[in-house]
Amino acid sequence: MNQDILFADIQTWDSGRQAVCFPAQQAGALIRCWVSLIWLEKQAGEVLTDEAAILTAFTSYRFDLEELAESMIEDEDFNQDGEVMID
């Protein structure tokens, strides 16, 4: 795990984007990382219908998500807004 990339223990559900946001920090820069509801549902093997269930699923896969996001950050695989999107 790259210690130059730090993840805060913060996550928020964005119903408009249908994704959970979890921030990362690299060299003082804040990078917004997102995981789609579809990705979480695929991993959980069930439809997630409310915020509590979605955030619980996120917590279950946090370690994997941080590894994926870290790899994407290292590869500079950002969207047009400079964010990481896992879907």
Protein backbone atom coordinates (compact mmCIF):
# COMPACT_ATOMS: atom_id res chain seq x y z
CA MET A 1 0.00 0.00 0.00
CA ASN A 2 1.35 3.39 -1.00
CA GLN A 3 1.77 5.52 2.12
CA ASP A 4 1.79 8.67 -0.01
CA ILE A 5 -1.94 8.17 -0.60
CA LEU A 6 -4.13 8.48 2.47
CA PHE A 7 -7.82 7.69 2.81
CA ALA A 8 -9.97 9.37 5.42
CA ASP A 9 -12.59 7.31 7.22
CA ILE A 10 -15.32 9.37 5.55
CA GLN A 11 -17.90 8.28 3.04
CA THR A 12 -21.06 9.94 1.78
CA TRP A 13 -23.89 8.72 -0.41
CA ASP A 14 -24.80 10.96 -3.35
CA SER A 15 -28.26 9.98 -4.60
CA GLY A 16 -27.92 12.20 -7.68
CA ARG A 17 -24.79 10.37 -8.85
CA GLN A 18 -25.95 7.02 -7.44
CA ALA A 19 -22.49 6.62 -5.93
CA VAL A 20 -20.59 6.78 -2.66
CA CYS A 21 -17.82 9.37 -2.35
CA PHE A 22 -14.72 8.62 -0.28
CA PRO A 23 -11.85 11.12 -0.26
CA ALA A 24 -8.17 10.40 -0.72
CA GLN A 25 -5.21 12.68 -0.19
CA GLN A 26 -1.97 12.62 -2.14
CA ALA A 27 0.81 15.16 -1.58
CA GLY A 28 -1.69 17.47 0.11
CA ALA A 29 -4.17 17.31 -2.79
CA LEU A 30 -7.71 16.11 -2.13
CA ILE A 31 -8.94 13.53 -4.63
CA ARG A 32 -12.61 12.61 -4.65
CA CYS A 33 -13.06 8.90 -5.21
CA TRP A 34 -16.42 7.43 -6.16
CA VAL A 35 -17.85 3.92 -6.29
CA SER A 36 -21.09 3.35 -8.15
CA LEU A 37 -24.14 1.74 -6.64
CA ILE A 38 -24.00 -0.82 -9.47
CA TRP A 39 -20.47 -1.90 -8.40
CA LEU A 40 -21.56 -2.24 -4.78
CA GLU A 41 -24.65 -4.24 -5.75
CA LYS A 42 -22.56 -6.59 -7.92
CA GLN A 43 -20.19 -7.24 -5.03
CA ALA A 44 -22.97 -7.64 -2.48
CA GLY A 45 -25.04 -9.85 -4.79
CA GLU A 46 -28.22 -7.97 -3.92
CA VAL A 47 -30.16 -4.81 -4.66
CA LEU A 48 -29.33 -2.07 -2.16
CA THR A 49 -32.36 0.16 -1.68
CA ASP A 50 -31.54 2.58 1.12
CA GLU A 51 -28.61 4.71 2.24
CA ALA A 52 -27.88 2.60 5.34
CA ALA A 53 -27.60 -0.61 3.28
CA ILE A 54 -25.46 1.14 0.67
CA LEU A 55 -23.03 2.53 3.25
CA THR A 56 -22.89 -0.84 5.03
CA ALA A 57 -21.94 -2.49 1.73
CA PHE A 58 -19.34 0.22 1.15
CA THR A 59 -17.81 -0.47 4.56
CA SER A 60 -17.66 -4.19 3.78
CA TYR A 61 -15.62 -3.52 0.64
CA ARG A 62 -13.66 -0.48 1.85
CA PHE A 63 -10.25 -2.18 1.80
CA ASP A 64 -10.74 -3.44 -1.78
CA LEU A 65 -12.07 -0.05 -2.88
CA GLU A 66 -9.12 1.79 -1.39
CA GLU A 67 -6.73 -0.57 -3.20
CA LEU A 68 -8.56 -0.02 -6.50
CA ALA A 69 -8.62 3.75 -6.01
CA GLU A 70 -4.95 3.79 -5.03
CA SER A 71 -4.02 1.93 -8.20
CA MET A 72 -6.10 4.31 -10.31
CA ILE A 73 -4.50 7.34 -8.64
CA GLU A 74 -1.01 5.95 -9.24
CA ASP A 75 -1.94 5.35 -12.91
CA GLU A 76 -3.47 8.84 -13.10
CA ASP A 77 -6.74 7.25 -14.22
CA PHE A 78 -8.96 10.25 -13.45
CA ASN A 79 -12.21 11.37 -15.04
CA GLN A 80 -12.60 14.82 -16.63
CA ASP A 81 -13.21 16.33 -13.17
CA GLY A 82 -9.97 14.93 -11.73
CA GLU A 83 -11.83 12.28 -9.73
CA VAL A 84 -11.52 8.51 -9.52
CA MET A 85 -14.65 6.58 -10.53
CA ILE A 86 -15.00 2.89 -9.77
CA ASP A 87 -17.89 1.35 -11.63
